[in-house]
Amino acid sequence: MSSRPDTTTRRAGGRHGRSWRAVGTAVVVLLAVTGFGLVGASLTTIDSPRPPQPMAGTADQGLPTAATGLDNGGQVAAGLPRAVPTGITIPRIGVRAGIMALGTNPDGTVQVPPLDQALTAGWYEPGPSPGEPGNAVIVGHVDSAAIGPAVFFSLGALQPGDTLSVERADGRTATFRVDSVASYPKDAFPSEQVYGPSDRPALRVITCGGQFDDITGDYPDNVIVFASLTP
């Protein structure tokens, strides 16, 4: 199977439920990320907490180190052998979560974590594992109708220089330094920087982003963290 998902953007199946934000009908939305579907549920209210958002990015901005896989010191970390990731820790935003393996659906979209496991992240198994040479991809919900803020609700608050770590089944921990964090409109998703080939170990962490649109029932953007393995 290819290490890159189908580049056709499609919606995956979803369901409706009661919003965590306000009394009323909630809309379950799907974030299509170049073949990936991420699910979130939201209903706008004035007093509702909002996921923090990074500055808007474009495909040719803000990626000088993320695109090359260099750490902040200009050094390239040696890659690790392939191993299944089991957990992710992001100190700045208080994330400590398990990771499940995800494949692709018959229509080319990714298998997202179930809504009843919205506090669990998902690793795109056909691609590299975290720490292995290449761009490993981890996705997660921003929120859900059942529990409210989900595993990556605060992902947009990360800043360059922050660290995150991924525990692996081989007993090793892969530590990454954030190179950049950006929000991209869906129609400007940086496919090559996220899924493109690389001989350096890097990580991309993705969730829903932007202001939820009650009319379209969708989040318009993708929040993406670009990070490189530390030496």
Foldseek 3Di string as FASTA:
>chain_A
DAQAFAQDWDEDDDDWDAAPFDGDTKFWAWDTARQETAIAIHDDDPPGDAADAAAADFLPPQCPCLQAQAAPVRDFDDFDDAFAWFWKAFVVVGATAGEDEWEHDPVRYIDADDLVQQQHKYWHVSHGHQRHFWETEIEGEQAYRVPGGGNCVHVNVDAFQGKMWIQGPVRDIWIKTWRGKHKYFSVRRNRCSHRNTGRGGKYKYKYADDDQDPVVSYGGIMIITIIHTDD
